[in-house]
């Protein structure tokens, strides 16, 4: 089954209006997701359906469908008789726990994945890493939200290729990447992470599990250090 076209053109994004494509709910989801990731919708703030209807010039149905999907990803919270809010920012304790978990699981998964990689899987990881598209687009906030999703896919694919579904399910359940990227909006977060993705890909291409483990550990530790100032 062919996937629907979820493209929203730049003019529509900047104006807030949504083009009517094959999947209206998908377009609305992408627009709200982008605002959440780039902090245009602040953590903990109320999200009013009627306001979004006016902003995007759509009906209530695609707005509610999109918010339901975002709720499932942990980015939106729905309270009975009150409505929707952006999920609150994660606490410093939760942040530390997430990175402790990642450092326990992901470097070892990267090493294990190295032995399973063929040319086809390497190509999948190269695309998911976002390196080739790093300079695409002038809208920095849009690039930031797109990278948040790409980063999640990249790390998920590595764990998938490591062939440990329990680790994969554990990490996915935390929605880690979406929450950490909401801590702060800064182009440095994406540019430095992309450099580290290149180092991980180089280790994979060399077929060196030790180098893959080290590159992943450095990437996660640097990610933690980049985002720590959000709690100061």
Protein backbone atom coordinates (compact mmCIF):
# COMPACT_ATOMS: atom_id res chain seq x y z
CA UNK A 1 0.00 0.00 0.00
CA UNK A 2 1.45 3.36 -1.00
CA UNK A 3 2.02 5.81 1.81
CA UNK A 4 0.08 9.08 1.61
CA UNK A 5 1.93 12.27 0.69
CA UNK A 6 2.49 14.16 3.95
CA UNK A 7 4.25 17.11 2.32
CA UNK A 8 3.50 20.58 3.61
CA UNK A 9 5.07 23.33 1.50
CA UNK A 10 7.23 26.08 3.02
CA UNK A 11 4.65 28.79 2.45
CA UNK A 12 1.99 26.75 4.22
CA UNK A 13 4.33 26.07 7.15
CA UNK A 14 5.25 29.71 7.57
CA UNK A 15 1.66 30.91 7.36
CA UNK A 16 0.33 28.23 9.64
CA UNK A 17 -2.16 27.06 7.01
CA UNK A 18 -2.13 23.42 6.04
CA UNK A 19 -2.28 22.32 2.42
CA UNK A 20 -4.90 19.71 1.77
CA UNK A 21 -2.89 16.64 0.80
CA UNK A 22 -3.74 12.96 0.85
CA UNK A 23 -3.43 12.82 4.63
CA UNK A 24 -4.65 15.98 6.30
CA UNK A 25 -4.22 14.53 9.79
CA UNK A 26 -0.64 13.62 8.88
CA UNK A 27 0.12 17.17 7.79
CA UNK A 28 -1.44 18.59 10.94
CA UNK A 29 0.54 16.12 13.05
CA UNK A 30 3.82 17.20 11.42
CA UNK A 31 3.02 20.88 11.95
CA UNK A 32 2.18 20.47 15.66
CA UNK A 33 5.13 18.12 16.16
CA UNK A 34 7.43 20.76 14.70
CA UNK A 35 6.08 23.41 17.07
CA UNK A 36 6.53 21.14 20.07
CA UNK A 37 10.09 20.16 19.18
CA UNK A 38 11.22 23.71 18.41
CA UNK A 39 9.54 24.97 21.62
CA UNK A 40 7.10 27.24 19.81
CA UNK A 41 4.61 25.35 21.96
CA UNK A 42 6.23 25.51 25.38
CA UNK A 43 6.36 22.44 27.65
CA UNK A 44 3.36 22.35 29.96
CA UNK A 45 1.40 24.97 28.02
CA UNK A 46 -2.23 24.49 27.12
CA UNK A 47 -3.04 23.42 23.56
CA UNK A 48 -6.45 24.69 22.50
CA UNK A 49 -8.11 22.78 19.68
CA UNK A 50 -10.12 25.80 18.53
CA UNK A 51 -6.94 27.89 18.24
CA UNK A 52 -5.28 25.23 16.11
CA UNK A 53 -8.38 25.01 13.92
CA UNK A 54 -8.03 28.72 13.19
CA UNK A 55 -4.25 28.62 12.81
CA UNK A 56 -4.22 25.74 10.33
CA UNK A 57 -7.59 26.46 8.70
CA UNK A 58 -8.82 22.88 9.14
CA UNK A 59 -11.68 21.16 10.97
CA UNK A 60 -11.56 19.74 14.49
CA UNK A 61 -11.19 16.11 13.32
CA UNK A 62 -7.60 16.17 11.97
CA UNK A 63 -6.52 18.28 14.94
CA UNK A 64 -7.86 15.73 17.41
CA UNK A 65 -6.37 12.84 15.43
CA UNK A 66 -2.97 14.53 15.43
CA UNK A 67 -3.13 15.32 19.15
CA UNK A 68 -4.10 11.72 19.89
CA UNK A 69 -1.04 10.51 18.01
CA UNK A 70 1.19 12.97 19.86
CA UNK A 71 -0.31 11.80 23.15
CA UNK A 72 0.76 8.27 22.26
CA UNK A 73 4.31 9.54 21.73
CA UNK A 74 4.36 11.20 25.13
CA UNK A 75 4.51 14.74 23.74
CA UNK A 76 0.95 15.74 24.65
CA UNK A 77 -1.09 15.07 27.78
CA UNK A 78 -4.89 14.92 27.78
CA UNK A 79 -6.76 15.61 30.99
CA UNK A 80 -10.45 14.75 31.38
CA UNK A 81 -12.72 17.82 31.21
CA UNK A 82 -9.69 20.10 30.77
CA UNK A 83 -8.21 19.23 27.40
CA UNK A 84 -4.71 19.00 25.97
CA UNK A 85 -1.40 20.32 27.20
CA UNK A 86 2.13 19.95 25.95
CA UNK A 87 3.90 17.36 28.08
CA UNK A 88 5.95 18.92 30.86
CA UNK A 89 9.70 19.12 30.55
CA UNK A 90 11.55 16.11 31.92
CA UNK A 91 13.19 16.59 35.29
CA UNK A 92 16.94 16.55 35.91
CA UNK A 93 16.56 13.22 37.68
CA UNK A 94 14.70 11.72 34.72
CA UNK A 95 17.30 13.14 32.36
CA UNK A 96 20.11 11.48 34.32
CA UNK A 97 18.23 8.19 34.40
CA UNK A 98 17.59 8.24 30.65
CA UNK A 99 21.24 8.80 29.86
CA UNK A 100 22.36 6.17 32.34
CA UNK A 101 20.01 3.73 30.62
CA UNK A 102 21.26 4.70 27.16
CA UNK A 103 24.90 4.32 28.15
CA UNK A 104 24.19 0.86 29.52
CA UNK A 105 22.39 -0.34 26.39
CA UNK A 106 23.28 1.55 23.23
CA UNK A 107 27.10 1.26 22.99
CA UNK A 108 26.88 -2.51 23.39
CA UNK A 109 24.05 -2.60 20.84
CA UNK A 110 26.19 -0.65 18.36
CA UNK A 111 29.02 -3.16 18.77
CA UNK A 112 26.64 -6.07 18.27
CA UNK A 113 24.98 -4.46 15.26
CA UNK A 114 28.34 -4.08 13.51
CA UNK A 115 28.57 -7.81 12.81
CA UNK A 116 25.14 -7.87 11.14
CA UNK A 117 25.67 -4.98 8.72
CA UNK A 118 25.78 -5.54 4.98
CA UNK A 119 25.75 -2.89 2.23
CA UNK A 120 21.97 -2.63 2.31
CA UNK A 121 21.80 -2.07 6.06
CA UNK A 122 24.67 0.40 5.94
CA UNK A 123 22.74 2.35 3.33
CA UNK A 124 19.68 2.37 5.60
CA UNK A 125 21.76 3.74 8.48
CA UNK A 126 23.43 6.35 6.28
CA UNK A 127 20.03 7.66 5.23
CA UNK A 128 18.64 7.53 8.77
CA UNK A 129 21.67 9.36 10.21
CA UNK A 130 20.58 12.56 8.45
CA UNK A 131 24.12 13.42 7.39
CA UNK A 132 23.32 13.79 3.69
CA UNK A 133 20.43 16.19 4.40
CA UNK A 134 22.20 18.31 7.01
CA UNK A 135 22.22 21.48 4.87
CA UNK A 136 18.77 21.07 3.36
CA UNK A 137 16.24 23.81 4.13
CA UNK A 138 16.58 27.34 5.49
CA UNK A 139 14.05 27.03 8.30
CA UNK A 140 16.24 26.23 11.32
CA UNK A 141 13.32 25.29 13.54
CA UNK A 142 11.96 22.95 10.91
CA UNK A 143 15.40 21.36 10.46
CA UNK A 144 15.64 20.94 14.23
CA UNK A 145 12.32 19.11 14.54
CA UNK A 146 13.14 16.97 11.50
CA UNK A 147 16.48 16.01 13.00
CA UNK A 148 14.83 15.02 16.27
CA UNK A 149 12.81 12.44 14.37
CA UNK A 150 15.79 11.33 12.24
CA UNK A 151 17.92 10.89 15.36
CA UNK A 152 15.28 8.65 16.90
CA UNK A 153 15.08 6.55 13.71
CA UNK A 154 18.88 6.26 13.45
CA UNK A 155 19.28 4.97 16.99
CA UNK A 156 16.28 2.68 16.66
CA UNK A 157 17.66 1.12 13.48
CA UNK A 158 20.97 0.38 15.17
CA UNK A 159 19.22 -1.46 18.00
CA UNK A 160 17.01 -3.25 15.48
CA UNK A 161 20.09 -4.50 13.62
CA UNK A 162 21.57 -5.60 16.96
CA UNK A 163 18.61 -8.00 17.07
CA UNK A 164 17.50 -7.37 20.64
CA UNK A 165 13.79 -6.55 20.65
CA UNK A 166 13.61 -6.13 24.43
CA UNK A 167 16.21 -3.35 24.37
CA UNK A 168 14.47 -1.80 21.40
CA UNK A 169 11.08 -1.84 23.09
CA UNK A 170 12.56 -0.47 26.33
CA UNK A 171 14.18 2.49 24.60
CA UNK A 172 11.18 3.22 22.37
CA UNK A 173 8.83 3.20 25.34
CA UNK A 174 10.75 6.11 26.88
CA UNK A 175 10.33 8.35 23.80
CA UNK A 176 13.82 9.48 24.77
CA UNK A 177 14.78 11.49 21.71
CA UNK A 178 11.61 13.56 21.57
CA UNK A 179 11.94 14.54 25.23
CA UNK A 180 15.63 15.42 25.18
CA UNK A 181 15.31 17.55 22.06
CA UNK A 182 12.61 19.60 23.79
CA UNK A 183 15.06 20.64 26.50
CA UNK A 184 16.54 23.40 24.36
CA UNK A 185 16.51 24.67 20.81
CA UNK A 186 19.98 25.32 19.38
CA UNK A 187 21.59 24.54 16.02
CA UNK A 188 24.70 23.32 17.86
CA UNK A 189 22.70 20.33 19.07
CA UNK A 190 22.11 19.13 15.53
CA UNK A 191 25.44 20.04 13.93
CA UNK A 192 27.59 18.35 16.56
CA UNK A 193 25.31 15.31 16.69
CA UNK A 194 25.60 14.94 12.91
CA UNK A 195 29.40 14.94 13.17
CA UNK A 196 29.12 12.16 15.76
CA UNK A 197 26.75 10.22 13.51
CA UNK A 198 29.43 10.34 10.83
CA UNK A 199 31.94 8.85 13.27
CA UNK A 200 29.53 6.03 14.12
CA UNK A 201 28.91 5.34 10.43
CA UNK A 202 32.66 5.24 9.76
CA UNK A 203 33.11 2.63 12.48
CA UNK A 204 30.24 0.59 11.05
CA UNK A 205 31.70 0.80 7.55
CA UNK A 206 35.07 -0.39 8.88
CA UNK A 207 33.38 -3.38 10.51
CA UNK A 208 35.02 -2.54 13.84
CA UNK A 209 32.73 -3.35 16.80
CA UNK A 210 35.07 -1.79 19.36
CA UNK A 211 35.19 1.46 17.42
CA UNK A 212 31.40 1.38 16.99
CA UNK A 213 30.90 0.94 20.73
CA UNK A 214 33.33 3.79 21.49
CA UNK A 215 31.78 6.14 18.92
CA UNK A 216 28.29 5.51 20.28
CA UNK A 217 29.44 6.06 23.86
CA UNK A 218 31.12 9.34 22.93
CA UNK A 219 27.99 10.44 21.05
CA UNK A 220 25.68 9.77 23.99
CA UNK A 221 28.03 11.38 26.51
CA UNK A 222 28.37 14.47 24.30
CA UNK A 223 24.60 14.62 23.83
CA UNK A 224 24.18 14.60 27.60
CA UNK A 225 26.76 17.35 28.05
CA UNK A 226 25.21 19.53 25.33
CA UNK A 227 21.80 19.43 26.99
CA UNK A 228 22.83 19.75 30.64
CA UNK A 229 22.81 23.59 30.50
CA UNK A 230 19.01 23.40 30.12
CA UNK A 231 18.83 22.65 33.84
CA UNK A 232 21.02 25.57 34.95
